[in-house]
PDB file of N, CA and C in Angstrom:
ATOM      1  N   MET A   1       3.776  18.718   4.319  1.00  0.00           N
ATOM      2  CA  MET A   1       4.569  17.837   3.634  1.00  0.00           C
ATOM      3  C   MET A   1       4.028  17.683   2.235  1.00  0.00           C
ATOM      4  N   THR A   2       4.940  17.698   1.288  1.00  0.00           N
ATOM      5  CA  THR A   2       4.461  17.558  -0.121  1.00  0.00           C
ATOM      6  C   THR A   2       4.201  16.053  -0.355  1.00  0.00           C
ATOM      7  N   GLU A   3       3.292  15.788  -1.360  1.00  0.00           N
ATOM      8  CA  GLU A   3       2.893  14.431  -1.611  1.00  0.00           C
ATOM      9  C   GLU A   3       4.055  13.688  -2.295  1.00  0.00           C
ATOM     10  N   PRO A   4       4.475  12.556  -1.753  1.00  0.00           N
ATOM     11  CA  PRO A   4       5.532  11.752  -2.347  1.00  0.00           C
ATOM     12  C   PRO A   4       4.966  11.149  -3.591  1.00  0.00           C
ATOM     13  N   SER A   5       5.838  10.798  -4.478  1.00  0.00           N
ATOM     14  CA  SER A   5       5.444  10.149  -5.803  1.00  0.00           C
ATOM     15  C   SER A   5       5.125   8.644  -5.599  1.00  0.00           C
ATOM     16  N   ILE A   6       4.042   8.379  -4.978  1.00  0.00           N
ATOM     17  CA  ILE A   6       3.486   7.016  -4.806  1.00  0.00           C
ATOM     18  C   ILE A   6       2.359   6.840  -5.768  1.00  0.00           C
ATOM     19  N   THR A   7       2.338   5.806  -6.521  1.00  0.00           N
ATOM     20  CA  THR A   7       1.227   5.528  -7.492  1.00  0.00           C
ATOM     21  C   THR A   7       0.530   4.326  -7.193  1.00  0.00           C
ATOM     22  N   ILE A   8      -0.704   4.201  -7.794  1.00  0.00           N
ATOM     23  CA  ILE A   8      -1.454   2.942  -7.690  1.00  0.00           C
ATOM     24  C   ILE A   8      -1.666   2.417  -9.143  1.00  0.00           C
ATOM     25  N   SER A   9      -1.426   1.150  -9.342  1.00  0.00           N
ATOM     26  CA  SER A   9      -1.581   0.580 -10.606  1.00  0.00           C
ATOM     27  C   SER A   9      -3.073   0.450 -10.978  1.00  0.00           C
ATOM     28  N   PRO A  10      -3.443   0.320 -12.205  1.00  0.00           N
ATOM     29  CA  PRO A  10      -4.914   0.171 -12.523  1.00  0.00           C
ATOM     30  C   PRO A  10      -5.421  -1.067 -11.877  1.00  0.00           C
ATOM     31  N   ARG A  11      -4.686  -2.134 -11.819  1.00  0.00           N
ATOM     32  CA  ARG A  11      -5.130  -3.456 -11.188  1.00  0.00           C
ATOM     33  C   ARG A  11      -5.401  -3.269  -9.597  1.00  0.00           C
ATOM     34  N   ALA A  12      -4.550  -2.529  -9.003  1.00  0.00           N
ATOM     35  CA  ALA A  12      -4.654  -2.298  -7.653  1.00  0.00           C
ATOM     36  C   ALA A  12      -5.886  -1.367  -7.345  1.00  0.00           C
ATOM     37  N   ALA A  13      -6.079  -0.368  -8.200  1.00  0.00           N
ATOM     38  CA  ALA A  13      -7.199   0.517  -8.001  1.00  0.00           C
ATOM     39  C   ALA A  13      -8.540  -0.293  -8.142  1.00  0.00           C
ATOM     40  N   LYS A  14      -8.599  -1.155  -9.185  1.00  0.00           N
ATOM     41  CA  LYS A  14      -9.828  -1.940  -9.363  1.00  0.00           C
ATOM     42  C   LYS A  14     -10.055  -2.806  -8.178  1.00  0.00           C
ATOM     43  N   ARG A  15      -9.100  -3.529  -7.708  1.00  0.00           N
ATOM     44  CA  ARG A  15      -9.273  -4.342  -6.554  1.00  0.00           C
ATOM     45  C   ARG A  15      -9.570  -3.628  -5.221  1.00  0.00           C
ATOM     46  N   ILE A  16      -9.034  -2.458  -5.018  1.00  0.00           N
ATOM     47  CA  ILE A  16      -9.377  -1.645  -3.878  1.00  0.00           C
ATOM     48  C   ILE A  16     -10.826  -1.244  -3.913  1.00  0.00           C
ATOM     49  N   VAL A  17     -11.287  -0.878  -5.099  1.00  0.00           N
ATOM     50  CA  VAL A  17     -12.664  -0.392  -5.305  1.00  0.00           C
ATOM     51  C   VAL A  17     -13.595  -1.602  -4.953  1.00  0.00           C
ATOM     52  N   GLU A  18     -13.211  -2.788  -5.396  1.00  0.00           N
ATOM     53  CA  GLU A  18     -14.076  -4.017  -5.175  1.00  0.00           C
ATOM     54  C   GLU A  18     -14.120  -4.342  -3.640  1.00  0.00           C
ATOM     55  N   LEU A  19     -12.918  -4.233  -2.936  1.00  0.00           N
ATOM     56  CA  LEU A  19     -12.823  -4.469  -1.479  1.00  0.00           C
ATOM     57  C   LEU A  19     -13.630  -3.487  -0.703  1.00  0.00           C
ATOM     58  N   VAL A  20     -13.526  -2.286  -1.024  1.00  0.00           N
ATOM     59  CA  VAL A  20     -14.179  -1.208  -0.287  1.00  0.00           C
ATOM     60  C   VAL A  20     -15.670  -1.348  -0.512  1.00  0.00           C
ATOM     61  N   SER A  21     -16.052  -1.666  -1.722  1.00  0.00           N
ATOM     62  CA  SER A  21     -17.584  -1.679  -2.061  1.00  0.00           C
ATOM     63  C   SER A  21     -18.183  -2.883  -1.308  1.00  0.00           C
ATOM     64  N   ALA A  22     -17.389  -3.944  -0.977  1.00  0.00           N
ATOM     65  CA  ALA A  22     -17.948  -5.196  -0.406  1.00  0.00           C
ATOM     66  C   ALA A  22     -17.993  -4.948   1.165  1.00  0.00           C
ATOM     67  N   ASP A  23     -17.309  -3.990   1.741  1.00  0.00           N
ATOM     68  CA  ASP A  23     -17.169  -3.795   3.132  1.00  0.00           C
ATOM     69  C   ASP A  23     -17.926  -2.474   3.517  1.00  0.00           C
ATOM     70  N   GLN A  24     -19.128  -2.635   4.175  1.00  0.00           N
ATOM     71  CA  GLN A  24     -19.971  -1.476   4.487  1.00  0.00           C
ATOM     72  C   GLN A  24     -19.297  -0.531   5.368  1.00  0.00           C
ATOM     73  N   ALA A  25     -18.336  -0.925   6.155  1.00  0.00           N
ATOM     74  CA  ALA A  25     -17.649  -0.010   7.113  1.00  0.00           C
ATOM     75  C   ALA A  25     -16.426   0.627   6.487  1.00  0.00           C
ATOM     76  N   ALA A  26     -15.976   0.313   5.327  1.00  0.00           N
ATOM     77  CA  ALA A  26     -14.730   0.946   4.869  1.00  0.00           C
ATOM     78  C   ALA A  26     -15.003   1.943   3.767  1.00  0.00           C
ATOM     79  N   SER A  27     -14.179   2.902   3.720  1.00  0.00           N
ATOM     80  CA  SER A  27     -14.247   3.957   2.679  1.00  0.00           C
ATOM     81  C   SER A  27     -12.927   4.109   1.915  1.00  0.00           C
ATOM     82  N   LEU A  28     -11.821   3.444   2.441  1.00  0.00           N
ATOM     83  CA  LEU A  28     -10.578   3.615   1.814  1.00  0.00           C
ATOM     84  C   LEU A  28      -9.609   2.478   2.208  1.00  0.00           C
ATOM     85  N   PHE A  29      -8.522   2.422   1.555  1.00  0.00           N
ATOM     86  CA  PHE A  29      -7.484   1.383   1.829  1.00  0.00           C
ATOM     87  C   PHE A  29      -6.240   2.010   2.473  1.00  0.00           C
ATOM     88  N   ARG A  30      -5.738   1.518   3.508  1.00  0.00           N
ATOM     89  CA  ARG A  30      -4.528   2.078   4.200  1.00  0.00           C
ATOM     90  C   ARG A  30      -3.426   1.176   4.010  1.00  0.00           C
ATOM     91  N   VAL A  31      -2.262   1.874   3.677  1.00  0.00           N
ATOM     92  CA  VAL A  31      -0.976   1.185   3.531  1.00  0.00           C
ATOM     93  C   VAL A  31      -0.055   1.746   4.522  1.00  0.00           C
ATOM     94  N   SER A  32       0.570   0.962   5.327  1.00  0.00           N
ATOM     95  CA  SER A  32       1.591   1.375   6.230  1.00  0.00           C
ATOM     96  C   SER A  32       2.855   0.531   6.310  1.00  0.00           C
ATOM     97  N   VAL A  33       3.910   1.014   6.885  1.00  0.00           N
ATOM     98  CA  VAL A  33       5.142   0.237   7.013  1.00  0.00           C
ATOM     99  C   VAL A  33       5.404   0.071   8.562  1.00  0.00           C
ATOM    100  N   GLU A  34       5.652  -1.195   8.891  1.00  0.00           N
ATOM    101  CA  GLU A  34       5.851  -1.530  10.306  1.00  0.00           C
ATOM    102  C   GLU A  34       7.334  -2.204  10.438  1.00  0.00           C
ATOM    103  N   GLY A  35       7.919  -2.114  11.625  1.00  0.00           N
ATOM    104  CA  GLY A  35       9.097  -2.897  11.927  1.00  0.00           C
ATOM    105  C   GLY A  35       8.679  -4.349  12.025  1.00  0.00           C
ATOM    106  N   GLY A  36       9.523  -5.234  11.468  1.00  0.00           N
ATOM    107  CA  GLY A  36       9.386  -6.645  11.645  1.00  0.00           C
ATOM    108  C   GLY A  36       9.489  -7.399  10.285  1.00  0.00           C
ATOM    109  N   GLY A  37       8.988  -8.553  10.185  1.00  0.00           N
ATOM    110  CA  GLY A  37       9.194  -9.319   8.961  1.00  0.00           C
ATOM    111  C   GLY A  37      10.571  -9.902   8.908  1.00  0.00           C
ATOM    112  N   CYS A  38      10.862 -10.743   7.922  1.00  0.00           N
ATOM    113  CA  CYS A  38      12.181 -11.321   7.848  1.00  0.00           C
ATOM    114  C   CYS A  38      13.283 -10.398   7.348  1.00  0.00           C
ATOM    115  N   SER A  39      12.872  -9.271   6.768  1.00  0.00           N
ATOM    116  CA  SER A  39      13.872  -8.393   6.271  1.00  0.00           C
ATOM    117  C   SER A  39      13.988  -7.098   6.944  1.00  0.00           C
ATOM    118  N   GLY A  40      13.261  -6.800   8.030  1.00  0.00           N
ATOM    119  CA  GLY A  40      13.404  -5.698   8.869  1.00  0.00           C
ATOM    120  C   GLY A  40      12.149  -4.776   8.840  1.00  0.00           C
ATOM    121  N   PHE A  41      11.499  -4.560   7.785  1.00  0.00           N
ATOM    122  CA  PHE A  41      10.323  -3.794   7.665  1.00  0.00           C
ATOM    123  C   PHE A  41       9.244  -4.711   6.920  1.00  0.00           C
ATOM    124  N   GLN A  42       7.988  -4.415   7.242  1.00  0.00           N
ATOM    125  CA  GLN A  42       6.825  -5.118   6.510  1.00  0.00           C
ATOM    126  C   GLN A  42       5.788  -4.148   6.196  1.00  0.00           C
ATOM    127  N   TYR A  43       5.064  -4.418   4.974  1.00  0.00           N
ATOM    128  CA  TYR A  43       4.035  -3.628   4.623  1.00  0.00           C
ATOM    129  C   TYR A  43       2.753  -4.159   5.329  1.00  0.00           C
ATOM    130  N   ARG A  44       1.893  -3.259   5.552  1.00  0.00           N
ATOM    131  CA  ARG A  44       0.556  -3.573   6.154  1.00  0.00           C
ATOM    132  C   ARG A  44      -0.550  -3.015   5.312  1.00  0.00           C
ATOM    133  N   PHE A  45      -1.518  -3.828   4.991  1.00  0.00           N
ATOM    134  CA  PHE A  45      -2.658  -3.363   4.137  1.00  0.00           C
ATOM    135  C   PHE A  45      -3.901  -3.594   4.989  1.00  0.00           C
ATOM    136  N   GLU A  46      -4.759  -2.619   4.984  1.00  0.00           N
ATOM    137  CA  GLU A  46      -6.001  -2.753   5.737  1.00  0.00           C
ATOM    138  C   GLU A  46      -7.085  -1.774   5.123  1.00  0.00           C
ATOM    139  N   LEU A  47      -8.361  -2.219   5.305  1.00  0.00           N
ATOM    140  CA  LEU A  47      -9.472  -1.332   4.960  1.00  0.00           C
ATOM    141  C   LEU A  47      -9.731  -0.440   6.176  1.00  0.00           C
ATOM    142  N   ALA A  48     -10.086   0.791   5.951  1.00  0.00           N
ATOM    143  CA  ALA A  48     -10.213   1.747   6.972  1.00  0.00           C
ATOM    144  C   ALA A  48     -11.461   2.642   6.619  1.00  0.00           C
ATOM    145  N   ASN A  49     -11.891   3.324   7.616  1.00  0.00           N
ATOM    146  CA  ASN A  49     -13.040   4.281   7.378  1.00  0.00           C
ATOM    147  C   ASN A  49     -12.714   5.721   7.781  1.00  0.00           C
ATOM    148  N   GLU A  50     -11.464   5.898   8.244  1.00  0.00           N
ATOM    149  CA  GLU A  50     -11.180   7.222   8.694  1.00  0.00           C
ATOM    150  C   GLU A  50      -9.734   7.544   8.269  1.00  0.00           C
ATOM    151  N   THR A  51      -9.420   8.826   8.099  1.00  0.00           N
ATOM    152  CA  THR A  51      -8.088   9.313   7.870  1.00  0.00           C
ATOM    153  C   THR A  51      -7.582  10.097   9.039  1.00  0.00           C
ATOM    154  N   ALA A  52      -6.354  10.216   9.168  1.00  0.00           N
ATOM    155  CA  ALA A  52      -5.773  11.176  10.163  1.00  0.00           C
ATOM    156  C   ALA A  52      -5.413  12.429   9.474  1.00  0.00           C
ATOM    157  N   ASP A  53      -5.316  13.510  10.173  1.00  0.00           N
ATOM    158  CA  ASP A  53      -5.122  14.848   9.668  1.00  0.00           C
ATOM    159  C   ASP A  53      -3.858  14.861   8.806  1.00  0.00           C
ATOM    160  N   ASP A  54      -2.796  14.122   9.151  1.00  0.00           N
ATOM    161  CA  ASP A  54      -1.569  14.200   8.408  1.00  0.00           C
ATOM    162  C   ASP A  54      -1.418  13.082   7.375  1.00  0.00           C
ATOM    163  N   ASP A  55      -2.366  12.206   7.173  1.00  0.00           N
ATOM    164  CA  ASP A  55      -2.349  11.201   6.058  1.00  0.00           C
ATOM    165  C   ASP A  55      -2.178  11.826   4.742  1.00  0.00           C
ATOM    166  N   ILE A  56      -1.438  11.130   3.860  1.00  0.00           N
ATOM    167  CA  ILE A  56      -1.321  11.385   2.449  1.00  0.00           C
ATOM    168  C   ILE A  56      -2.338  10.549   1.785  1.00  0.00           C
ATOM    169  N   LEU A  57      -3.169  11.228   0.910  1.00  0.00           N
ATOM    170  CA  LEU A  57      -4.215  10.441   0.150  1.00  0.00           C
ATOM    171  C   LEU A  57      -3.883  10.368  -1.283  1.00  0.00           C
ATOM    172  N   ILE A  58      -3.956   9.196  -1.822  1.00  0.00           N
ATOM    173  CA  ILE A  58      -3.606   9.038  -3.169  1.00  0.00           C
ATOM    174  C   ILE A  58      -4.900   8.407  -3.872  1.00  0.00           C
ATOM    175  N   GLU A  59      -5.331   8.918  -4.962  1.00  0.00           N
ATOM    176  CA  GLU A  59      -6.583   8.451  -5.549  1.00  0.00           C
ATOM    177  C   GLU A  59      -6.244   8.043  -7.089  1.00  0.00           C
ATOM    178  N   ARG A  60      -6.982   7.000  -7.446  1.00  0.00           N
ATOM    179  CA  ARG A  60      -6.947   6.571  -8.839  1.00  0.00           C
ATOM    180  C   ARG A  60      -8.268   5.725  -9.132  1.00  0.00           C
ATOM    181  N   ASP A  61      -8.907   6.043 -10.230  1.00  0.00           N
ATOM    182  CA  ASP A  61     -10.063   5.334 -10.731  1.00  0.00           C
ATOM    183  C   ASP A  61     -11.059   5.020  -9.580  1.00  0.00           C
ATOM    184  N   GLY A  62     -11.323   5.915  -8.696  1.00  0.00           N
ATOM    185  CA  GLY A  62     -12.305   5.679  -7.613  1.00  0.00           C
ATOM    186  C   GLY A  62     -11.709   4.993  -6.385  1.00  0.00           C
ATOM    187  N   ALA A  63     -10.430   4.798  -6.423  1.00  0.00           N
ATOM    188  CA  ALA A  63      -9.807   4.088  -5.209  1.00  0.00           C
ATOM    189  C   ALA A  63      -9.015   5.149  -4.425  1.00  0.00           C
ATOM    190  N   THR A  64      -9.183   5.099  -3.093  1.00  0.00           N
ATOM    191  CA  THR A  64      -8.481   6.061  -2.345  1.00  0.00           C
ATOM    192  C   THR A  64      -7.535   5.235  -1.328  1.00  0.00           C
ATOM    193  N   VAL A  65      -6.223   5.576  -1.277  1.00  0.00           N
ATOM    194  CA  VAL A  65      -5.236   4.941  -0.465  1.00  0.00           C
ATOM    195  C   VAL A  65      -4.717   6.076   0.494  1.00  0.00           C
ATOM    196  N   ALA A  66      -4.663   5.658   1.828  1.00  0.00           N
ATOM    197  CA  ALA A  66      -4.189   6.665   2.852  1.00  0.00           C
ATOM    198  C   ALA A  66      -2.797   6.067   3.299  1.00  0.00           C
ATOM    199  N   ILE A  67      -1.901   6.917   3.463  1.00  0.00           N
ATOM    200  CA  ILE A  67      -0.537   6.503   3.943  1.00  0.00           C
ATOM    201  C   ILE A  67      -0.092   7.544   4.959  1.00  0.00           C
ATOM    202  N   ASP A  68       0.305   7.154   6.136  1.00  0.00           N
ATOM    203  CA  ASP A  68       0.835   8.129   7.101  1.00  0.00           C
ATOM    204  C   ASP A  68       2.273   8.607   6.679  1.00  0.00           C
ATOM    205  N   PRO A  69       2.667   9.814   7.058  1.00  0.00           N
ATOM    206  CA  PRO A  69       3.880  10.415   6.592  1.00  0.00           C
ATOM    207  C   PRO A  69       5.103   9.563   6.882  1.00  0.00           C
ATOM    208  N   VAL A  70       5.224   8.890   8.013  1.00  0.00           N
ATOM    209  CA  VAL A  70       6.372   8.087   8.248  1.00  0.00           C
ATOM    210  C   VAL A  70       6.475   6.962   7.329  1.00  0.00           C
ATOM    211  N   SER A  71       5.379   6.220   7.072  1.00  0.00           N
ATOM    212  CA  SER A  71       5.378   5.127   6.122  1.00  0.00           C
ATOM    213  C   SER A  71       5.590   5.627   4.692  1.00  0.00           C
ATOM    214  N   ALA A  72       5.183   6.883   4.405  1.00  0.00           N
ATOM    215  CA  ALA A  72       5.275   7.434   3.082  1.00  0.00           C
ATOM    216  C   ALA A  72       6.766   7.638   2.730  1.00  0.00           C
ATOM    217  N   ASP A  73       7.623   8.011   3.661  1.00  0.00           N
ATOM    218  CA  ASP A  73       9.051   8.163   3.509  1.00  0.00           C
ATOM    219  C   ASP A  73       9.715   6.800   3.114  1.00  0.00           C
ATOM    220  N   PHE A  74       9.211   5.701   3.583  1.00  0.00           N
ATOM    221  CA  PHE A  74       9.777   4.430   3.274  1.00  0.00           C
ATOM    222  C   PHE A  74       9.335   3.878   1.826  1.00  0.00           C
ATOM    223  N   VAL A  75       8.229   4.389   1.369  1.00  0.00           N
ATOM    224  CA  VAL A  75       7.666   3.934   0.008  1.00  0.00           C
ATOM    225  C   VAL A  75       7.672   5.017  -1.045  1.00  0.00           C
ATOM    226  N   LYS A  76       8.354   6.032  -0.781  1.00  0.00           N
ATOM    227  CA  LYS A  76       8.475   7.146  -1.740  1.00  0.00           C
ATOM    228  C   LYS A  76       8.932   6.681  -3.068  1.00  0.00           C
ATOM    229  N   GLY A  77       8.270   6.921  -4.163  1.00  0.00           N
ATOM    230  CA  GLY A  77       8.590   6.524  -5.482  1.00  0.00           C
ATOM    231  C   GLY A  77       8.089   5.123  -5.865  1.00  0.00           C
ATOM    232  N   SER A  78       7.268   4.544  -4.977  1.00  0.00           N
ATOM    233  CA  SER A  78       6.817   3.206  -5.163  1.00  0.00           C
ATOM    234  C   SER A  78       5.492   3.127  -5.901  1.00  0.00           C
ATOM    235  N   GLU A  79       5.155   1.944  -6.384  1.00  0.00           N
ATOM    236  CA  GLU A  79       3.850   1.651  -7.058  1.00  0.00           C
ATOM    237  C   GLU A  79       3.183   0.643  -6.197  1.00  0.00           C
ATOM    238  N   ILE A  80       1.966   0.828  -5.877  1.00  0.00           N
ATOM    239  CA  ILE A  80       1.104  -0.203  -5.255  1.00  0.00           C
ATOM    240  C   ILE A  80       0.436  -0.925  -6.313  1.00  0.00           C
ATOM    241  N   ASP A  81       0.616  -2.252  -6.356  1.00  0.00           N
ATOM    242  CA  ASP A  81       0.069  -3.086  -7.334  1.00  0.00           C
ATOM    243  C   ASP A  81      -0.670  -4.236  -6.739  1.00  0.00           C
ATOM    244  N   PHE A  82      -1.469  -4.866  -7.540  1.00  0.00           N
ATOM    245  CA  PHE A  82      -2.173  -6.093  -7.236  1.00  0.00           C
ATOM    246  C   PHE A  82      -1.932  -7.166  -8.248  1.00  0.00           C
ATOM    247  N   VAL A  83      -1.448  -8.249  -7.708  1.00  0.00           N
ATOM    248  CA  VAL A  83      -1.152  -9.399  -8.728  1.00  0.00           C
ATOM    249  C   VAL A  83      -1.979 -10.672  -8.282  1.00  0.00           C
ATOM    250  N   ASP A  84      -2.370 -11.316  -9.388  1.00  0.00           N
ATOM    251  CA  ASP A  84      -3.107 -12.544  -9.210  1.00  0.00           C
ATOM    252  C   ASP A  84      -2.325 -13.634  -9.897  1.00  0.00           C
ATOM    253  N   GLU A  85      -1.491 -14.380  -9.197  1.00  0.00           N
ATOM    254  CA  GLU A  85      -0.666 -15.412  -9.782  1.00  0.00           C
ATOM    255  C   GLU A  85      -1.066 -16.781  -9.375  1.00  0.00           C
ATOM    256  N   LEU A  86      -0.464 -17.806  -9.880  1.00  0.00           N
ATOM    257  CA  LEU A  86      -0.764 -19.147  -9.493  1.00  0.00           C
ATOM    258  C   LEU A  86      -0.654 -19.450  -8.168  1.00  0.00           C
ATOM    259  N   ILE A  87       0.243 -18.749  -7.447  1.00  0.00           N
ATOM    260  CA  ILE A  87       0.576 -19.037  -6.007  1.00  0.00           C
ATOM    261  C   ILE A  87      -0.412 -18.129  -5.040  1.00  0.00           C
ATOM    262  N   GLY A  88      -1.248 -17.282  -5.683  1.00  0.00           N
ATOM    263  CA  GLY A  88      -2.133 -16.418  -4.905  1.00  0.00           C
ATOM    264  C   GLY A  88      -2.292 -15.096  -5.354  1.00  0.00           C
ATOM    265  N   ALA A  89      -3.264 -14.375  -4.935  1.00  0.00           N
ATOM    266  CA  ALA A  89      -3.483 -12.951  -5.207  1.00  0.00           C
ATOM    267  C   ALA A  89      -3.078 -12.125  -4.050  1.00  0.00           C
ATOM    268  N   GLN A  90      -2.362 -10.954  -4.250  1.00  0.00           N
ATOM    269  CA  GLN A  90      -1.939 -10.163  -3.228  1.00  0.00           C
ATOM    270  C   GLN A  90      -1.641  -8.689  -3.742  1.00  0.00           C
ATOM    271  N   PHE A  91      -1.675  -7.811  -2.757  1.00  0.00           N
ATOM    272  CA  PHE A  91      -1.113  -6.494  -3.052  1.00  0.00           C
ATOM    273  C   PHE A  91       0.367  -6.601  -2.911  1.00  0.00           C
ATOM    274  N   LYS A  92       1.121  -5.900  -3.847  1.00  0.00           N
ATOM    275  CA  LYS A  92       2.568  -5.839  -3.789  1.00  0.00           C
ATOM    276  C   LYS A  92       2.962  -4.438  -3.979  1.00  0.00           C
ATOM    277  N   ILE A  93       3.974  -4.038  -3.311  1.00  0.00           N
ATOM    278  CA  ILE A  93       4.572  -2.636  -3.531  1.00  0.00           C
ATOM    279  C   ILE A  93       5.950  -2.832  -4.253  1.00  0.00           C
ATOM    280  N   HIS A  94       6.004  -2.153  -5.381  1.00  0.00           N
ATOM    281  CA  HIS A  94       7.325  -2.129  -6.143  1.00  0.00           C
ATOM    282  C   HIS A  94       8.049  -0.877  -5.612  1.00  0.00           C
ATOM    283  N   ASN A  95       8.945  -1.188  -4.741  1.00  0.00           N
ATOM    284  CA  ASN A  95       9.671  -0.177  -3.956  1.00  0.00           C
ATOM    285  C   ASN A  95      11.095   0.012  -4.434  1.00  0.00           C
ATOM    286  N   PRO A  96      11.388   1.134  -4.975  1.00  0.00           N
ATOM    287  CA  PRO A  96      12.741   1.343  -5.530  1.00  0.00           C
ATOM    288  C   PRO A  96      13.770   1.642  -4.400  1.00  0.00           C
ATOM    289  N   ASN A  97      13.289   1.964  -3.125  1.00  0.00           N
ATOM    290  CA  ASN A  97      14.164   2.142  -1.983  1.00  0.00           C
ATOM    291  C   ASN A  97      14.522   0.927  -1.251  1.00  0.00           C
ATOM    292  N   ALA A  98      13.940  -0.222  -1.596  1.00  0.00           N
ATOM    293  CA  ALA A  98      14.294  -1.494  -0.849  1.00  0.00           C
ATOM    294  C   ALA A  98      15.506  -1.986  -1.483  1.00  0.00           C
ATOM    295  N   THR A  99      16.500  -2.329  -0.514  1.00  0.00           N
ATOM    296  CA  THR A  99      17.778  -2.890  -0.938  1.00  0.00           C
ATOM    297  C   THR A  99      17.712  -4.483  -0.932  1.00  0.00           C
ATOM    298  N   ALA A 100      16.687  -4.917  -0.210  1.00  0.00           N
ATOM    299  CA  ALA A 100      16.405  -6.438  -0.134  1.00  0.00           C
ATOM    300  C   ALA A 100      15.014  -6.664   0.239  1.00  0.00           C
ATOM    301  N   SER A 101      14.521  -7.835  -0.199  1.00  0.00           N
ATOM    302  CA  SER A 101      13.243  -8.178   0.270  1.00  0.00           C
ATOM    303  C   SER A 101      13.167  -9.731   0.414  1.00  0.00           C
ATOM    304  N   CYS A 102      12.087 -10.186   1.091  1.00  0.00           N
ATOM    305  CA  CYS A 102      11.966 -11.541   1.400  1.00  0.00           C
ATOM    306  C   CYS A 102      11.363 -12.226   0.092  1.00  0.00           C
ATOM    307  N   GLY A 103      11.243 -13.505   0.077  1.00  0.00           N
ATOM    308  CA  GLY A 103      10.734 -14.136  -1.139  1.00  0.00           C
ATOM    309  C   GLY A 103       9.194 -13.926  -1.348  1.00  0.00           C
ATOM    310  N   CYS A 104       8.510 -13.677  -0.358  1.00  0.00           N
ATOM    311  CA  CYS A 104       7.036 -13.390  -0.557  1.00  0.00           C
ATOM    312  C   CYS A 104       6.769 -11.988  -0.894  1.00  0.00           C
ATOM    313  N   GLY A 105       7.776 -11.137  -0.674  1.00  0.00           N
ATOM    314  CA  GLY A 105       7.558  -9.707  -1.065  1.00  0.00           C
ATOM    315  C   GLY A 105       6.854  -8.805  -0.039  1.00  0.00           C
ATOM    316  N   THR A 106       6.620  -9.312   1.182  1.00  0.00           N
ATOM    317  CA  THR A 106       5.859  -8.534   2.133  1.00  0.00           C
ATOM    318  C   THR A 106       6.758  -7.866   3.061  1.00  0.00           C
ATOM    319  N   SER A 107       8.024  -8.156   3.168  1.00  0.00           N
ATOM    320  CA  SER A 107       9.016  -7.526   4.056  1.00  0.00           C
ATOM    321  C   SER A 107      10.202  -7.014   3.180  1.00  0.00           C
ATOM    322  N   PHE A 108      10.873  -6.024   3.727  1.00  0.00           N
ATOM    323  CA  PHE A 108      12.024  -5.504   2.930  1.00  0.00           C
ATOM    324  C   PHE A 108      12.948  -4.773   3.900  1.00  0.00           C
ATOM    325  N   SER A 109      14.134  -4.369   3.384  1.00  0.00           N
ATOM    326  CA  SER A 109      15.051  -3.608   4.062  1.00  0.00           C
ATOM    327  C   SER A 109      15.523  -2.436   3.257  1.00  0.00           C
ATOM    328  N   ILE A 110      16.026  -1.401   3.944  1.00  0.00           N
ATOM    329  CA  ILE A 110      16.508  -0.175   3.225  1.00  0.00           C
ATOM    330  C   ILE A 110      17.929  -0.015   3.672  1.00  0.00           C
TER     331      ILE A 110
END
């Protein structure tokens, strides 16, 4: 499978490096898409220490993100970002494929 055009913002890369550095067991950041949430699909973010043979790896400024091929199809063309707003700090995915999303931005529909 060719690598989909998924990018990591500089803010997200910086935060991922900070999180991985603080967790002795983690070496990368995993993004996946699961069924559920109020809009049908939801993003899942987790620290991990292993990749699967078919994972797509995206790197920027020392940060490594792993995405499984099924999830990659849902986020093709997206940017992984990190925002720190008055209501809280969180990773967000700017997904051009989403036709609707919930108010908190963690679930979406296609």
